Amino acid sequence: MENEKPSWMHHCELCLACLHFCPVAAIQLEPKTKKRGRYKNPSVTIADMKKQRGE
């Protein structure tokens, strides 16, 4: 996050994790994702995703 806005730093792989993990559904890919449901796998955490990326 930079200045309370998401920053992908040119490393986006379009996994859509940011879209699905956003607690207020503020991140949209296109207008068609607005007002659509979100899915968060209960077995996957943000820490798991960071670990996979080597962070």
C-alpha atoms as a PDB file:
ATOM      1  CA  MET A   1       0.000   0.000   0.000  1.00  0.00           C
ATOM      2  CA  GLU A   2       1.152   3.507  -0.816  1.00  0.00           C
ATOM      3  CA  ASN A   3      -0.784   6.470   0.543  1.00  0.00           C
ATOM      4  CA  GLU A   4      -3.646   4.107   1.426  1.00  0.00           C
ATOM      5  CA  LYS A   5      -3.882   2.882  -2.184  1.00  0.00           C
ATOM      6  CA  PRO A   6      -2.750  -0.496  -3.547  1.00  0.00           C
ATOM      7  CA  SER A   7       0.561  -0.525  -5.387  1.00  0.00           C
ATOM      8  CA  TRP A   8       1.521  -3.482  -7.559  1.00  0.00           C
ATOM      9  CA  MET A   9       4.965  -2.172  -8.497  1.00  0.00           C
ATOM     10  CA  HIS A  10       4.714  -3.761 -11.967  1.00  0.00           C
ATOM     11  CA  HIS A  11       4.670  -7.285 -10.493  1.00  0.00           C
ATOM     12  CA  CYS A  12       0.961  -8.074 -10.870  1.00  0.00           C
ATOM     13  CA  GLU A  13       0.344 -11.661 -11.987  1.00  0.00           C
ATOM     14  CA  LEU A  14      -3.453 -11.252 -12.120  1.00  0.00           C
ATOM     15  CA  CYS A  15      -4.018 -13.844  -9.394  1.00  0.00           C
ATOM     16  CA  LEU A  16      -6.888 -11.629  -8.136  1.00  0.00           C
ATOM     17  CA  ALA A  17      -5.949 -12.292  -4.498  1.00  0.00           C
ATOM     18  CA  CYS A  18      -6.076  -8.535  -3.805  1.00  0.00           C
ATOM     19  CA  LEU A  19      -9.597  -8.365  -5.200  1.00  0.00           C
ATOM     20  CA  HIS A  20     -10.836 -11.311  -3.156  1.00  0.00           C
ATOM     21  CA  PHE A  21      -8.975 -10.444   0.075  1.00  0.00           C
ATOM     22  CA  CYS A  22      -9.991  -6.762   0.157  1.00  0.00           C
ATOM     23  CA  PRO A  23     -12.233  -6.509   3.244  1.00  0.00           C
ATOM     24  CA  VAL A  24     -14.411  -3.749   1.784  1.00  0.00           C
ATOM     25  CA  ALA A  25     -14.481  -4.851  -1.893  1.00  0.00           C
ATOM     26  CA  ALA A  26     -12.799  -1.570  -2.899  1.00  0.00           C
ATOM     27  CA  ILE A  27     -10.576  -3.160  -5.556  1.00  0.00           C
ATOM     28  CA  GLN A  28     -12.199  -3.743  -8.949  1.00  0.00           C
ATOM     29  CA  LEU A  29     -10.631  -5.327 -12.011  1.00  0.00           C
ATOM     30  CA  GLU A  30     -13.201  -3.951 -14.425  1.00  0.00           C
ATOM     31  CA  PRO A  31     -16.722  -2.574 -14.014  1.00  0.00           C
ATOM     32  CA  LYS A  32     -18.057  -6.117 -14.335  1.00  0.00           C
ATOM     33  CA  THR A  33     -16.469  -7.139 -11.000  1.00  0.00           C
ATOM     34  CA  LYS A  34     -18.379  -4.432  -9.140  1.00  0.00           C
ATOM     35  CA  LYS A  35     -21.179  -5.785  -6.920  1.00  0.00           C
ATOM     36  CA  ARG A  36     -20.050  -9.368  -7.503  1.00  0.00           C
ATOM     37  CA  GLY A  37     -19.264 -11.826  -4.771  1.00  0.00           C
ATOM     38  CA  ARG A  38     -15.805 -12.473  -3.438  1.00  0.00           C
ATOM     39  CA  TYR A  39     -14.301 -15.821  -2.512  1.00  0.00           C
ATOM     40  CA  LYS A  40     -11.567 -16.338   0.041  1.00  0.00           C
ATOM     41  CA  ASN A  41     -10.302 -19.879   0.467  1.00  0.00           C
ATOM     42  CA  PRO A  42     -10.457 -20.441   4.236  1.00  0.00           C
ATOM     43  CA  SER A  43      -7.285 -22.542   4.066  1.00  0.00           C
ATOM     44  CA  VAL A  44      -5.133 -19.788   2.489  1.00  0.00           C
ATOM     45  CA  THR A  45      -3.843 -16.748   4.352  1.00  0.00           C
ATOM     46  CA  ILE A  46      -2.000 -13.644   3.237  1.00  0.00           C
ATOM     47  CA  ALA A  47       1.048 -15.009   5.067  1.00  0.00           C
ATOM     48  CA  ASP A  48       0.842 -18.150   2.897  1.00  0.00           C
ATOM     49  CA  MET A  49       0.829 -16.043  -0.269  1.00  0.00           C
ATOM     50  CA  LYS A  50       3.809 -13.976   0.913  1.00  0.00           C
ATOM     51  CA  LYS A  51       5.713 -17.136   1.778  1.00  0.00           C
ATOM     52  CA  GLN A  52       5.052 -18.532  -1.698  1.00  0.00           C
ATOM     53  CA  ARG A  53       6.467 -15.364  -3.260  1.00  0.00           C
ATOM     54  CA  GLY A  54       9.538 -15.531  -1.034  1.00  0.00           C
ATOM     55  CA  GLU A  55       8.663 -12.462   1.024  1.00  0.00           C
END
